Protein backbone atom coordinates (compact mmCIF):
# COMPACT_ATOMS: atom_id res chain seq x y z
CA MET A 1 -93.66 -61.52 90.96
CA ARG A 2 -96.20 -59.75 88.71
CA ILE A 3 -95.05 -57.00 86.32
CA ARG A 4 -97.50 -54.23 85.55
CA LYS A 5 -98.14 -53.24 81.90
CA SER A 6 -96.39 -49.88 82.31
CA GLU A 7 -93.29 -51.58 83.66
CA SER A 8 -93.40 -54.17 80.90
CA LEU A 9 -93.58 -51.42 78.28
CA LEU A 10 -90.64 -49.57 79.83
CA LEU A 11 -88.54 -52.73 79.87
CA ALA A 12 -89.38 -53.39 76.24
CA ILE A 13 -88.33 -49.88 75.23
CA MET A 14 -85.06 -50.23 77.11
CA ALA A 15 -84.37 -53.60 75.44
CA VAL A 16 -85.00 -52.14 71.98
CA ALA A 17 -82.67 -49.19 72.76
CA LEU A 18 -79.91 -51.55 73.81
CA VAL A 19 -80.33 -53.60 70.64
CA LEU A 20 -80.23 -50.49 68.46
CA LEU A 21 -77.11 -49.20 70.25
CA SER A 22 -75.42 -52.58 69.92
CA THR A 23 -76.39 -52.79 66.25
CA ALA A 24 -75.07 -49.28 65.61
CA CYS A 25 -71.71 -50.25 67.04
CA ARG A 26 -71.66 -53.55 65.12
CA LYS A 27 -72.39 -51.86 61.80
CA LYS A 28 -68.78 -50.63 61.69
CA PRO A 29 -66.62 -52.78 63.97
CA ASP A 30 -63.74 -50.29 63.72
CA GLN A 31 -65.94 -47.34 64.66
CA PRO A 32 -65.99 -46.13 68.28
CA CYS A 33 -69.28 -45.37 69.95
CA GLU A 34 -67.97 -41.89 70.78
CA TYR A 35 -66.44 -39.49 68.28
CA ALA A 36 -63.59 -37.09 69.00
CA ASP A 37 -64.01 -33.35 69.30
CA LEU A 38 -60.63 -32.84 67.67
CA VAL A 39 -58.17 -34.95 65.69
CA VAL A 40 -54.63 -33.77 64.91
CA TYR A 41 -52.38 -35.30 62.24
CA GLY A 42 -48.69 -34.52 61.95
CA ASN A 43 -45.16 -35.32 63.05
CA ILE A 44 -45.92 -35.76 66.74
CA PHE A 45 -43.35 -35.88 69.55
CA THR A 46 -45.22 -37.52 72.42
CA ALA A 47 -42.59 -37.22 75.19
CA GLU A 48 -43.46 -40.84 75.99
CA GLN A 49 -40.99 -43.68 75.61
CA THR A 50 -42.82 -44.62 72.41
CA GLY A 51 -41.36 -41.45 70.92
CA MET A 52 -43.25 -40.29 67.83
CA ALA A 53 -46.83 -40.67 66.56
CA GLN A 54 -48.80 -39.70 63.45
CA ALA A 55 -52.09 -38.61 65.00
CA PHE A 56 -54.14 -38.23 68.15
CA ALA A 57 -57.79 -37.71 69.06
CA VAL A 58 -59.18 -35.44 71.79
CA LYS A 59 -62.54 -35.68 73.56
CA ASP A 60 -63.67 -33.42 76.42
CA GLY A 61 -60.19 -31.96 76.78
CA ARG A 62 -58.31 -35.27 77.02
CA TYR A 63 -56.52 -37.57 74.63
CA ILE A 64 -58.62 -40.63 73.78
CA ALA A 65 -56.35 -42.15 71.13
CA VAL A 66 -52.70 -41.74 70.09
CA GLY A 67 -50.94 -43.62 67.32
CA SER A 68 -50.99 -43.99 63.55
CA ALA A 69 -53.32 -42.11 61.24
CA ASP A 70 -55.26 -45.36 60.73
CA ASP A 71 -55.57 -45.85 64.48
CA VAL A 72 -57.13 -42.42 64.91
CA LYS A 73 -59.27 -41.89 61.80
CA LYS A 74 -62.07 -44.04 63.18
CA TYR A 75 -62.67 -41.36 65.85
CA VAL A 76 -63.59 -38.79 63.20
CA GLY A 77 -67.32 -37.98 63.09
CA ASP A 78 -69.39 -35.35 61.35
CA ARG A 79 -68.64 -32.77 64.05
CA THR A 80 -64.99 -33.64 64.63
CA VAL A 81 -62.53 -30.84 63.86
CA ALA A 82 -59.46 -32.15 62.04
CA ILE A 83 -56.10 -30.36 61.94
CA HIS A 84 -53.56 -31.56 59.38
CA HIS A 85 -50.23 -30.05 60.42
CA GLY A 86 -48.23 -31.14 57.41
CA TYR A 87 -44.99 -29.40 58.35
CA GLY A 88 -42.96 -28.76 61.47
CA MET A 89 -43.92 -30.66 64.60
CA VAL A 90 -46.65 -31.22 67.17
CA MET A 91 -45.55 -31.71 70.78
CA PRO A 92 -46.79 -31.37 74.36
CA GLY A 93 -47.03 -27.87 75.78
CA CYS A 94 -43.90 -26.65 77.54
CA THR A 95 -43.38 -25.94 81.25
CA GLU A 96 -41.65 -22.83 82.57
CA GLY A 97 -39.98 -24.25 85.67
CA HIS A 98 -39.35 -20.93 87.41
CA GLY A 99 -40.24 -17.46 86.20
CA HIS A 100 -41.83 -14.24 87.40
CA TYR A 101 -44.27 -13.38 84.65
CA MET A 102 -47.06 -11.97 86.81
CA MET A 103 -44.50 -9.85 88.62
CA SER A 104 -42.99 -8.62 85.35
CA LYS A 105 -46.44 -7.63 84.09
CA PHE A 106 -46.93 -5.66 87.29
CA TYR A 107 -43.86 -3.67 86.33
CA GLU A 108 -45.77 -2.72 83.18
CA PHE A 109 -49.25 -2.14 84.60
CA GLY A 110 -48.66 -1.07 88.20
CA ASN A 111 -49.86 2.43 89.02
CA HIS A 112 -46.78 3.32 91.08
CA VAL A 113 -44.01 1.68 89.06
CA ILE A 114 -40.90 3.13 87.42
CA ARG A 115 -39.47 0.88 84.71
CA MET A 116 -35.68 1.13 84.32
CA ASP A 117 -33.16 -0.71 82.16
CA ALA A 118 -29.43 -1.44 81.90
CA THR A 119 -28.70 1.94 80.30
CA ASP A 120 -30.05 3.98 83.20
CA THR A 121 -27.65 6.12 85.18
CA LYS A 122 -27.92 7.86 88.52
CA ALA A 123 -29.19 10.98 86.76
CA THR A 124 -31.87 9.24 84.69
CA ILE A 125 -33.10 7.24 87.67
CA LEU A 126 -33.46 10.36 89.81
CA ALA A 127 -35.26 12.15 86.98
CA ALA A 128 -37.76 9.26 86.80
CA VAL A 129 -38.29 9.38 90.58
CA ARG A 130 -38.91 13.13 90.43
CA GLU A 131 -41.46 12.75 87.62
CA LYS A 132 -43.31 9.88 89.31
CA ALA A 133 -43.39 11.71 92.65
CA MET A 134 -45.23 14.65 91.11
CA ASP A 135 -48.50 12.72 90.82
CA ASN A 136 -47.95 9.82 93.21
CA ARG A 137 -48.26 10.26 96.96
CA ASP A 138 -48.53 6.61 98.09
CA TYR A 139 -45.25 4.88 97.25
CA ILE A 140 -42.86 4.39 94.33
CA PHE A 141 -41.56 1.02 93.22
CA GLY A 142 -38.89 0.75 90.53
CA PHE A 143 -37.43 -2.19 88.63
CA GLY A 144 -34.67 -2.84 86.13
CA PHE A 145 -31.42 -1.01 86.88
CA ASP A 146 -28.13 -2.85 86.25
CA TYR A 147 -26.42 -3.50 89.58
CA LEU A 148 -23.06 -4.40 88.04
CA ALA A 149 -23.01 -1.08 86.16
CA LEU A 150 -23.98 1.06 89.17
CA LYS A 151 -22.65 -0.77 92.22
CA GLU A 152 -19.63 1.50 92.80
CA PRO A 153 -20.13 4.43 95.22
CA GLY A 154 -21.10 7.57 93.39
CA LYS A 155 -22.69 5.72 90.48
CA TYR A 156 -26.00 4.84 92.12
CA PRO A 157 -28.51 7.25 93.68
CA THR A 158 -28.33 7.15 97.45
CA CYS A 159 -31.24 7.30 99.87
CA HIS A 160 -30.47 11.00 100.38
CA ASP A 161 -30.50 11.66 96.63
CA ILE A 162 -33.95 10.09 96.38
CA ASP A 163 -35.13 12.00 99.47
CA SER A 164 -34.60 15.23 97.53
CA TYR A 165 -37.61 14.33 95.37
CA ALA A 166 -39.62 11.89 97.49
CA ALA A 167 -38.87 12.13 101.19
CA ASP A 168 -42.37 11.60 102.54
CA ILE A 169 -43.34 8.37 100.73
CA PRO A 170 -41.54 5.00 100.60
CA VAL A 171 -39.38 4.45 97.53
CA TYR A 172 -37.78 1.11 96.65
CA LEU A 173 -35.88 0.56 93.40
CA GLN A 174 -35.05 -3.07 92.52
CA ASP A 175 -32.34 -4.21 90.11
CA SER A 176 -33.04 -6.29 87.00
CA GLU A 177 -32.29 -9.61 88.72
CA GLY A 178 -34.34 -8.86 91.83
CA HIS A 179 -31.38 -9.40 94.17
CA LYS A 180 -30.37 -5.82 94.94
CA GLY A 181 -32.31 -2.66 95.72
CA ILE A 182 -32.05 1.01 96.63
CA ALA A 183 -34.37 2.48 99.28
CA ASN A 184 -35.00 6.03 100.38
CA THR A 185 -34.83 7.03 104.04
CA ARG A 186 -38.60 6.77 104.58
CA CYS A 187 -38.55 3.18 103.36
CA LEU A 188 -35.59 2.32 105.61
CA VAL A 189 -37.38 3.88 108.60
CA ASP A 190 -40.70 2.16 107.88
CA SER A 191 -38.96 -1.22 107.63
CA GLY A 192 -37.73 -0.84 111.20
CA ILE A 193 -34.08 -1.68 110.56
CA LEU A 194 -32.69 1.70 111.75
CA GLY A 195 -31.86 2.60 115.32
CA PRO A 196 -32.37 6.04 116.94
CA ASP A 197 -28.93 7.12 115.69
CA GLY A 198 -29.85 6.48 112.04
CA ARG A 199 -27.53 3.50 111.76
CA VAL A 200 -28.64 -0.08 111.14
CA LYS A 201 -29.58 -1.90 114.35
CA ALA A 202 -26.75 -4.17 115.46
CA ASP A 203 -29.11 -7.12 115.82
CA PHE A 204 -30.58 -6.82 112.30
CA LYS A 205 -30.15 -10.29 110.85
CA TYR A 206 -28.88 -9.07 107.48
CA ILE A 207 -26.76 -6.14 108.60
CA ASP A 208 -23.85 -7.35 106.45
CA TYR A 209 -26.02 -6.90 103.34
CA VAL A 210 -26.65 -3.19 104.03
CA VAL A 211 -24.13 -0.98 102.21
CA VAL A 212 -22.94 1.87 104.45
CA ASP A 213 -20.85 4.98 103.87
CA GLY A 214 -17.54 5.84 105.52
CA ASP A 215 -19.31 7.01 108.66
CA GLY A 216 -21.37 3.84 109.02
CA TYR A 217 -24.70 5.23 107.79
CA PRO A 218 -26.73 3.32 105.20
CA THR A 219 -26.41 4.57 101.64
CA GLY A 220 -29.72 3.02 100.61
CA MET A 221 -28.12 0.19 98.62
CA LEU A 222 -29.33 -3.18 99.93
CA LEU A 223 -28.19 -6.65 98.92
CA GLU A 224 -30.12 -9.91 98.85
CA GLN A 225 -32.22 -10.57 101.97
CA ALA A 226 -31.64 -7.10 103.42
CA GLY A 227 -33.36 -5.68 100.36
CA THR A 228 -36.16 -8.24 100.56
CA TYR A 229 -36.71 -7.45 104.25
CA VAL A 230 -36.85 -3.69 103.67
CA ARG A 231 -39.18 -4.02 100.69
CA VAL A 232 -41.55 -6.37 102.54
CA HIS A 233 -41.71 -4.20 105.65
CA GLY A 234 -41.31 -0.77 104.10
CA CYS A 235 -42.65 -0.76 100.54
CA THR A 236 -45.02 -3.54 99.49
CA PRO A 237 -46.96 -2.54 96.36
CA ASN A 238 -50.70 -3.15 96.54
CA ASP A 239 -52.63 -1.93 93.52
CA GLY A 240 -55.71 -4.10 93.99
CA ARG A 241 -57.29 -7.06 92.24
CA ASP A 242 -58.13 -5.30 88.99
CA VAL A 243 -54.47 -4.56 88.30
CA TRP A 244 -53.38 -8.05 89.32
CA HIS A 245 -56.07 -9.65 87.18
CA LYS A 246 -54.77 -7.65 84.23
CA CYS A 247 -51.24 -8.86 85.07
CA ALA A 248 -52.34 -12.51 85.30
CA VAL A 249 -54.22 -12.41 81.99
CA ALA A 250 -51.27 -10.74 80.24
CA ALA A 251 -48.81 -13.20 81.78
CA GLN A 252 -50.66 -16.27 80.57
CA GLU A 253 -51.15 -14.73 77.12
CA THR A 254 -47.40 -14.17 76.89
CA LEU A 255 -46.63 -17.69 78.08
CA ASN A 256 -49.21 -19.34 75.79
CA GLY A 257 -47.77 -17.40 72.86
CA MET A 258 -44.33 -18.91 73.51
CA GLY A 259 -45.73 -22.44 73.76
CA TYR A 260 -46.01 -22.78 77.54
CA THR A 261 -49.05 -24.51 78.99
CA ALA A 262 -47.62 -24.71 82.53
CA ALA A 263 -45.55 -22.31 84.61
CA VAL A 264 -44.22 -21.92 88.13
CA GLU A 265 -44.57 -18.38 89.46
CA GLY A 266 -41.36 -18.38 91.46
CA TRP A 267 -42.27 -15.67 93.95
CA ALA A 268 -46.05 -15.73 94.08
CA ASN A 269 -46.47 -13.81 97.34
CA LYS A 270 -43.85 -11.15 96.64
CA PHE A 271 -46.48 -8.43 96.61
CA GLY A 272 -48.93 -10.10 98.99
CA MET A 273 -51.67 -12.69 98.59
CA THR A 274 -53.71 -10.82 95.98
CA THR A 275 -51.92 -12.83 93.31
CA TYR A 276 -53.20 -16.07 94.86
CA ASP A 277 -56.73 -14.66 95.09
CA VAL A 278 -56.72 -13.64 91.43
CA ILE A 279 -55.39 -16.98 90.19
CA GLY A 280 -57.97 -18.79 92.35
CA GLU A 281 -60.80 -16.69 90.93
CA MET A 282 -59.58 -17.27 87.36
CA ASP A 283 -59.45 -21.00 88.02
CA ARG A 284 -63.01 -21.10 89.30
CA SER A 285 -64.28 -19.04 86.35
CA ASN A 286 -62.42 -21.23 83.83
CA GLU A 287 -60.22 -18.31 82.72
CA LEU A 288 -56.94 -20.12 83.32
CA THR A 289 -55.09 -21.25 80.21
CA LEU A 290 -52.09 -22.48 82.19
CA ASN A 291 -51.34 -25.15 84.74
CA PHE A 292 -50.08 -22.80 87.48
CA GLY A 293 -47.47 -23.51 90.17
CA MET A 294 -47.40 -20.99 93.02
CA ALA A 295 -44.31 -20.66 95.23
CA TYR A 296 -44.76 -19.06 98.66
CA GLU A 297 -41.53 -17.43 99.78
CA ILE A 298 -40.45 -17.59 103.41
CA GLU A 299 -37.66 -15.34 104.70
CA ASN A 300 -35.17 -16.50 107.31
CA LEU A 301 -36.18 -14.17 110.13
CA GLU A 302 -37.06 -14.92 113.75
CA LYS A 303 -38.26 -18.44 114.49
CA GLU A 304 -41.75 -17.22 115.36
CA GLU A 305 -42.04 -15.45 112.00
CA VAL A 306 -40.76 -18.49 110.11
CA ALA A 307 -43.29 -20.72 111.88
CA SER A 308 -46.10 -18.27 111.12
CA GLU A 309 -45.13 -18.04 107.44
CA LEU A 310 -44.97 -21.82 107.14
CA GLN A 311 -48.51 -22.00 108.51
CA ALA A 312 -49.54 -19.41 105.91
CA ALA A 313 -47.99 -21.55 103.15
CA VAL A 314 -49.93 -24.59 104.38
CA ALA A 315 -53.12 -22.52 104.41
CA ALA A 316 -52.45 -21.31 100.85
CA LYS A 317 -51.99 -24.92 99.71
CA SER A 318 -55.32 -25.89 101.26
CA LYS A 319 -57.23 -22.87 99.98
CA TYR A 320 -55.99 -22.50 96.41
CA SER A 321 -54.82 -25.91 95.17
CA SER A 322 -56.85 -27.52 92.43
CA GLU A 323 -56.34 -29.54 89.26
CA ARG A 324 -54.91 -26.42 87.57
CA VAL A 325 -53.39 -24.56 90.52
CA HIS A 326 -50.56 -26.08 92.53
CA ALA A 327 -50.05 -23.90 95.58
CA ASN A 328 -47.80 -26.43 97.27
CA LEU A 329 -44.35 -24.86 96.84
CA VAL A 330 -42.24 -23.13 99.49
CA LYS A 331 -39.59 -20.79 98.07
CA LEU A 332 -36.37 -20.07 99.95
CA PHE A 333 -33.12 -18.31 99.06
CA GLU A 334 -29.95 -20.11 100.14
CA ASP A 335 -27.58 -17.59 98.56
CA GLY A 336 -27.45 -14.77 96.02
CA THR A 337 -25.59 -14.72 92.71
CA PRO A 338 -21.89 -15.55 92.22
CA GLU A 339 -21.50 -13.03 89.40
CA SER A 340 -22.48 -10.17 91.70
CA GLY A 341 -20.43 -11.40 94.65
CA THR A 342 -23.20 -12.83 96.84
CA GLY A 343 -23.04 -16.53 95.95
CA TYR A 344 -22.07 -19.15 98.54
CA MET A 345 -19.07 -20.95 97.13
CA ILE A 346 -16.50 -23.54 98.14
CA ASP A 347 -13.51 -21.83 96.53
CA PRO A 348 -12.97 -18.10 97.09
CA ASP A 349 -13.36 -15.54 94.31
CA ALA A 350 -10.62 -13.12 93.29
CA THR A 351 -11.19 -11.03 96.43
CA GLY A 352 -11.03 -14.05 98.74
CA TYR A 353 -14.79 -14.00 99.32
CA ILE A 354 -16.73 -17.26 99.52
CA GLY A 355 -20.02 -15.86 100.81
CA HIS A 356 -22.26 -17.42 103.41
CA PRO A 357 -25.60 -19.24 103.41
CA ILE A 358 -28.85 -17.44 104.11
CA TRP A 359 -30.15 -20.46 106.06
CA ASP A 360 -27.69 -22.39 108.19
CA GLU A 361 -27.64 -26.14 107.71
CA ASP A 362 -29.66 -27.11 110.78
CA ASP A 363 -32.39 -24.52 110.15
CA LEU A 364 -32.64 -25.51 106.50
CA LYS A 365 -33.00 -29.17 107.41
CA ALA A 366 -35.64 -28.35 110.01
CA ILE A 367 -37.86 -26.25 107.75
CA THR A 368 -37.50 -28.74 104.88
CA ALA A 369 -38.58 -31.64 107.09
CA GLU A 370 -41.49 -29.65 108.52
CA ALA A 371 -42.69 -28.41 105.12
CA ASN A 372 -42.44 -31.87 103.56
CA SER A 373 -44.43 -33.35 106.43
CA LYS A 374 -47.24 -30.90 105.51
CA GLY A 375 -47.20 -31.98 101.87
CA LEU A 376 -45.26 -28.92 100.71
CA SER A 377 -42.40 -29.22 98.22
CA MET A 378 -39.33 -27.04 98.60
CA HIS A 379 -38.29 -24.70 95.78
CA ILE A 380 -34.90 -23.28 96.78
CA HIS A 381 -32.69 -20.78 94.98
CA ALA A 382 -29.07 -21.99 95.11
CA MET A 383 -26.34 -20.86 92.70
CA GLY A 384 -22.92 -21.31 94.29
CA ASP A 385 -21.71 -24.89 94.66
CA ASN A 386 -21.65 -24.64 98.46
CA ALA A 387 -25.26 -23.44 98.47
CA VAL A 388 -26.24 -26.35 96.22
CA LYS A 389 -24.43 -28.79 98.52
CA THR A 390 -26.23 -27.40 101.57
CA VAL A 391 -29.62 -27.77 99.90
CA VAL A 392 -28.83 -31.31 98.73
CA ASP A 393 -27.84 -32.15 102.33
CA ALA A 394 -31.21 -30.88 103.58
CA TYR A 395 -33.21 -32.78 100.96
CA GLU A 396 -31.22 -35.95 101.56
CA ALA A 397 -31.86 -35.69 105.30
CA ALA A 398 -35.60 -35.18 104.72
CA GLY A 399 -35.87 -38.34 102.62
CA THR A 400 -38.69 -38.96 100.17
CA ARG A 401 -42.42 -38.58 100.70
CA GLU A 402 -45.31 -39.42 98.40
CA GLY A 403 -46.25 -36.38 96.35
CA VAL A 404 -43.36 -34.21 97.53
CA ARG A 405 -41.03 -32.93 94.78
CA ASN A 406 -38.17 -30.95 96.32
CA GLN A 407 -36.49 -28.63 93.82
CA ILE A 408 -33.27 -26.65 93.44
CA VAL A 409 -33.51 -23.61 91.19
CA HIS A 410 -30.74 -22.11 89.01
CA LEU A 411 -27.79 -24.30 90.15
CA ARG A 412 -25.08 -22.21 88.61
CA ASN A 413 -22.38 -24.59 89.86
CA VAL A 414 -22.58 -28.15 91.18
CA ARG A 415 -19.97 -30.37 92.83
CA THR A 416 -19.36 -33.64 91.00
CA ASP A 417 -20.34 -35.65 94.12
CA ASP A 418 -23.75 -33.97 94.33
CA TYR A 419 -25.15 -35.18 91.01
CA ASP A 420 -25.54 -38.77 92.18
CA ARG A 421 -27.02 -37.68 95.50
CA MET A 422 -29.59 -35.61 93.64
CA ALA A 423 -30.52 -38.57 91.47
CA ARG A 424 -30.83 -40.98 94.41
CA THR A 425 -33.24 -38.80 96.34
CA GLY A 426 -35.39 -37.84 93.33
CA MET A 427 -34.92 -34.08 93.76
CA ILE A 428 -35.40 -31.84 90.75
CA ALA A 429 -32.94 -29.50 89.06
CA SER A 430 -34.90 -26.52 87.71
CA CYS A 431 -32.09 -25.65 85.39
CA GLY A 432 -31.29 -22.30 83.80
CA VAL A 433 -29.18 -22.80 80.70
CA LEU A 434 -29.42 -19.21 79.55
CA TRP A 435 -26.12 -18.08 81.05
CA HIS A 436 -24.38 -20.04 78.29
CA ARG A 437 -25.32 -16.98 76.29
CA PHE A 438 -25.59 -14.41 79.10
CA TYR A 439 -25.44 -11.25 76.99
CA PRO A 440 -24.99 -10.24 73.34
CA LYS A 441 -21.49 -10.70 71.98
CA GLU A 442 -20.25 -7.14 72.47
CA VAL A 443 -21.37 -7.06 76.11
CA ILE A 444 -19.90 -10.41 77.11
CA GLU A 445 -16.60 -9.51 75.46
CA ALA A 446 -16.53 -6.28 77.46
CA ASN A 447 -17.34 -8.01 80.76
CA ILE A 448 -15.80 -11.47 80.54
CA ASP A 449 -12.45 -10.39 81.97
CA MET A 450 -14.20 -8.72 84.89
CA LEU A 451 -16.47 -11.72 85.54
CA THR A 452 -13.64 -14.22 85.20
CA ALA A 453 -11.51 -12.19 87.59
CA LEU A 454 -14.35 -11.90 90.09
CA MET A 455 -15.58 -15.47 89.97
CA GLY A 456 -12.53 -17.37 88.76
CA ARG A 457 -12.58 -19.63 85.74
CA LYS A 458 -14.22 -22.45 87.68
CA TYR A 459 -17.32 -20.49 88.56
CA TRP A 460 -17.65 -18.60 85.30
CA PHE A 461 -16.76 -21.24 82.72
CA GLU A 462 -18.38 -24.24 84.40
CA GLY A 463 -21.79 -22.67 84.96
CA TYR A 464 -25.02 -24.46 84.07
CA PRO A 465 -23.87 -27.96 83.09
CA TYR A 466 -27.33 -28.99 81.88
CA GLN A 467 -26.37 -32.28 80.25
CA SER A 468 -24.51 -33.37 83.39
CA PHE A 469 -27.86 -33.60 85.19
CA ILE A 470 -29.22 -35.78 82.41
CA ASN A 471 -26.10 -37.94 82.32
CA HIS A 472 -26.49 -38.58 86.04
CA LYS A 473 -30.23 -39.30 85.71
CA VAL A 474 -31.32 -36.26 87.71
CA HIS A 475 -34.87 -35.06 87.11
CA THR A 476 -34.25 -31.89 85.13
CA CYS A 477 -36.68 -29.20 83.99
CA ILE A 478 -36.07 -25.87 82.31
CA SER A 479 -36.54 -22.40 83.77
CA THR A 480 -35.76 -18.86 82.60
CA ASP A 481 -36.12 -16.73 85.76
CA ALA A 482 -37.76 -14.11 83.51
CA PRO A 483 -37.64 -11.15 83.67
CA ALA A 484 -34.24 -11.62 85.38
CA SER A 485 -32.94 -13.33 82.25
CA SER A 486 -29.83 -11.27 81.58
CA GLY A 487 -30.88 -10.45 78.04
CA SER A 488 -31.22 -14.12 77.10
CA PRO A 489 -34.22 -15.71 75.35
CA THR A 490 -37.23 -16.77 77.38
CA ASP A 491 -39.03 -18.79 74.69
CA PRO A 492 -38.42 -22.57 74.82
CA PHE A 493 -36.71 -22.81 71.45
CA GLY A 494 -34.38 -19.87 71.86
CA ILE A 495 -33.31 -21.56 75.10
CA MET A 496 -33.05 -24.87 73.25
CA GLN A 497 -30.57 -23.37 70.80
CA VAL A 498 -28.43 -22.06 73.64
CA ALA A 499 -28.55 -25.48 75.30
CA ALA A 500 -27.83 -27.38 72.08
CA THR A 501 -24.88 -25.23 71.03
CA ALA A 502 -23.53 -23.61 74.22
CA THR A 503 -22.95 -20.54 72.09
CA GLN A 504 -24.86 -17.48 71.12
CA ASP A 505 -25.49 -17.51 67.39
CA PHE A 506 -28.69 -15.60 66.79
CA GLY A 507 -28.61 -14.04 63.37
CA GLY A 508 -24.88 -14.42 62.84
CA GLN A 509 -23.67 -12.94 66.15
CA SER A 510 -21.55 -15.67 67.64
CA TYR A 511 -18.58 -16.26 69.86
CA SER A 512 -16.68 -19.46 70.57
CA SER A 513 -17.78 -21.64 73.44
CA PRO A 514 -15.46 -22.49 76.32
CA TRP A 515 -17.84 -25.07 77.75
CA ASP A 516 -17.25 -28.77 77.74
CA GLU A 517 -19.58 -30.39 75.20
CA LYS A 518 -20.10 -33.61 77.17
CA GLU A 519 -21.32 -31.69 80.19
CA CYS A 520 -23.04 -28.69 78.64
CA ILE A 521 -24.29 -29.47 75.13
CA ALA A 522 -27.87 -30.72 75.40
CA ASN A 523 -29.22 -33.74 73.59
CA ARG A 524 -32.31 -32.39 71.85
CA THR A 525 -34.63 -35.24 72.80
CA ASP A 526 -33.54 -34.94 76.43
CA PHE A 527 -34.16 -31.21 76.27
CA LEU A 528 -37.69 -31.64 74.91
CA ARG A 529 -38.45 -34.10 77.69
CA SER A 530 -37.15 -31.55 80.22
CA LEU A 531 -39.51 -28.99 78.71
CA THR A 532 -42.51 -31.32 78.82
CA ILE A 533 -42.85 -34.50 80.88
CA GLU A 534 -40.08 -33.52 83.33
CA GLY A 535 -41.74 -30.13 83.79
CA ALA A 536 -44.95 -31.97 84.63
CA TYR A 537 -43.01 -34.14 87.09
CA GLN A 538 -41.77 -30.97 88.78
CA MET A 539 -45.39 -29.89 89.32
CA GLY A 540 -46.55 -33.37 90.34
CA THR A 541 -48.79 -33.70 87.26
CA GLU A 542 -46.88 -36.28 85.21
CA ASN A 543 -49.86 -38.66 85.38
CA THR A 544 -52.26 -36.12 83.89
CA ARG A 545 -50.14 -33.74 81.79
CA GLY A 546 -46.74 -33.31 80.14
CA SER A 547 -46.98 -35.88 77.36
CA ILE A 548 -49.34 -36.94 74.59
CA ALA A 549 -50.88 -40.10 75.99
CA VAL A 550 -54.38 -41.53 76.33
CA GLY A 551 -56.20 -40.17 79.39
CA LYS A 552 -54.05 -37.07 79.85
CA TYR A 553 -55.16 -33.49 79.36
CA ALA A 554 -54.66 -32.33 75.79
CA ASP A 555 -52.09 -29.58 76.37
CA PHE A 556 -50.08 -29.33 73.14
CA ILE A 557 -48.54 -26.98 70.60
CA LEU A 558 -48.00 -26.84 66.84
CA ILE A 559 -44.62 -25.42 65.77
CA ASN A 560 -43.21 -24.48 62.39
CA GLN A 561 -40.18 -26.77 62.21
CA ASN A 562 -38.93 -30.13 63.43
CA VAL A 563 -36.68 -29.12 66.29
CA LEU A 564 -35.15 -32.60 66.51
CA GLU A 565 -33.80 -32.45 62.96
CA CYS A 566 -33.40 -28.79 61.90
CA ASP A 567 -30.07 -26.97 61.87
CA LYS A 568 -29.26 -26.43 65.54
CA TYR A 569 -28.18 -22.87 64.81
CA GLU A 570 -31.68 -22.14 63.54
CA LEU A 571 -33.61 -23.47 66.53
CA TYR A 572 -34.25 -19.87 67.60
CA LYS A 573 -36.37 -19.43 64.45
CA THR A 574 -38.94 -21.90 65.76
CA LYS A 575 -42.36 -20.27 66.02
CA VAL A 576 -45.49 -21.45 67.80
CA ILE A 577 -48.43 -21.72 65.38
CA MET A 578 -51.10 -22.78 67.88
CA THR A 579 -51.27 -23.56 71.59
CA PHE A 580 -53.97 -25.82 73.04
CA PHE A 581 -54.83 -26.12 76.73
CA GLU A 582 -57.16 -28.92 77.78
CA GLY A 583 -58.19 -29.39 74.16
CA ARG A 584 -59.10 -25.77 73.37
CA CYS A 585 -57.03 -23.34 71.34
CA VAL A 586 -55.72 -20.57 73.61
CA TYR A 587 -53.24 -19.02 71.17
CA GLU A 588 -53.03 -18.80 67.39
CA ALA A 589 -50.35 -16.92 65.49
CA ASN A 590 -51.52 -14.17 63.18
C-alpha cells in the first residue's frame, strides 16, 4: 500500500507528539499527566473503612486521589487551588434523611401564609386570620400552632370562629408538626367531606379523625389523615413557580450552610407538582447545590385513587430523576405521633388507647410490592411500635430488589424482635434522635409528667434508640423532620451532641438522662457514617457520593473542630467553614 506525502507528514507529526507526551511524563515519574483543580490538606474523615486521610485531590468535580500528603502533592500544578485546613476536620457532606425545607421556606415566602408559633392562642390566631383576610381573597394557609397547648375544646379557634373573618375563602391552619389542622367551614365544604346536614359523611374514610362538638358537628379540628384529606381537596396553596424557585434556592442555601450536600424532601408533592418542576429546572440549569431526594406522598383513599397516585409517582420518577435528583420515593403515613395520642402502639396509653394503622396490613403489603416492582422505594412514617412492626412485615414480604431501598422514618419505638428483621432485609432506619432533647429544660420539666402519663414510661423513655439500630447492623441514617423538630437542633452537629449524650446541655442548660446508654448513646464514628455514607445508601448513591474516595463526587465540608475527639458537650459549637458540592464551593462562612 502506498502512503501519500500528506499522510506521511501527518503520521510523522503524530509520532513526534506521542514522543513529546511520553517524554513529558517520564521527566518526573511521580508526576501525573493531569493536574488537580483542587487539593485539600487536613485531618480528613473519609467515611471509608480506611478511616482517616491527610489529603485529597479533585478534578472535574470528582476525587482523583486520596491518601497521605505525599500521595497527593504530585497532583498540584500551577493552576491547582490548595486548601490547607490546619485545624478542625474535613469530612464528606452530610445527608438530611427526611426534612421539609422547601415547605418550611414556603411558610416564609408564600403570599397567603400566616406563620404561627407555640405561644399563639385562640385570640392571636384569629387576629392573624382577620388581618390576612383583609387583603387576601384567594385562600389562607397557616402553620405553626402548638396542638398540645390548644387541643382542649375552647382553646383552639373553631371553624365558626374563623368564619367570622373569612367565610368565603378556604382557610386551613396546620400545627407545627404537620399532623393536625383547623379548617373553616368553606374548606370543609370544598373538601367534600360534609353531608347535606352539615355533619361528616358516614362513609368518610377518616371520620374518626374529625373532632366534633356535642351535637356531632365538626369543630374544624382535624387529626392526621383527615386533615391531609381536607387540605388536599379544600385548600392546596399554589403560588406559582417564582415563589417555589425562591423557596428551593433558600432551602438549599440553608442546608449547605449547615453542612448538608444531600437531602430528602419528605413531602415533595404536598403543595402540588410545582416543586418537582422547579427542582427539575434547577437541575438542568446547574443551579442545584444538593443531591435531592423527592418523596411523593400517596394517601390511603379509594383503590382507584391509590392506583392513580402510584402511576403519578412512577411518572415523576421517569420525568425528574437524574444524577442529582432522585424522584424514586413513595411516602406513606402508617400512624401519627404517640405523644399526641395518634400513634399505633402495642401497649395502651394511660387512656387505654392503642391507635390504629392508616393502612391495613394487606393493603400496605400490596402497595409496597407494586411500588417496588416499578423501581420505587418506600419511605414510610411509623412512630408507634405496632406501626413499625406493620411496616417491617410489609417490607419483609416484598423481599429485596436491585436498587430499591425501603425506608422507615422516625421510628419512635421499636420492638426488640424487629431490629434483626430490619437488618436481614436491608431496610433503612431514617432515625430522628432529636426527641432525646425534645424541648428546652423548663418546657420538658413542665410537660414530662403529662407525656409520661399519656404515653407510659415505655413509650416516652424508650424513644429513639439510635445505637440499637447500629448494634443490630441496621442501615441507619439521620433525619430531623424540620421544621417539625420540636425546638431541637437541625444542624448535624447539634444533633450529634444530642445523640452522643442523650441529654440537652447547650450552654449549661442540662437535665439528667433516663435513657439507657447502651441503646441510646451514639458512637461518634457510627454517627458520622450515618450522616454520610449511610445517607448516600438511603438515596442509592453510595457508589458515587457519601464518602471521600477516588471516583466519587467531591461533596465535602470543612468544620472548625474534630468532632471525634472534642468534648462531647461542646459538639453543638461545631461550625461549618466551607461546603463543597461536586468540587465547587457552595457555602463559605463569613
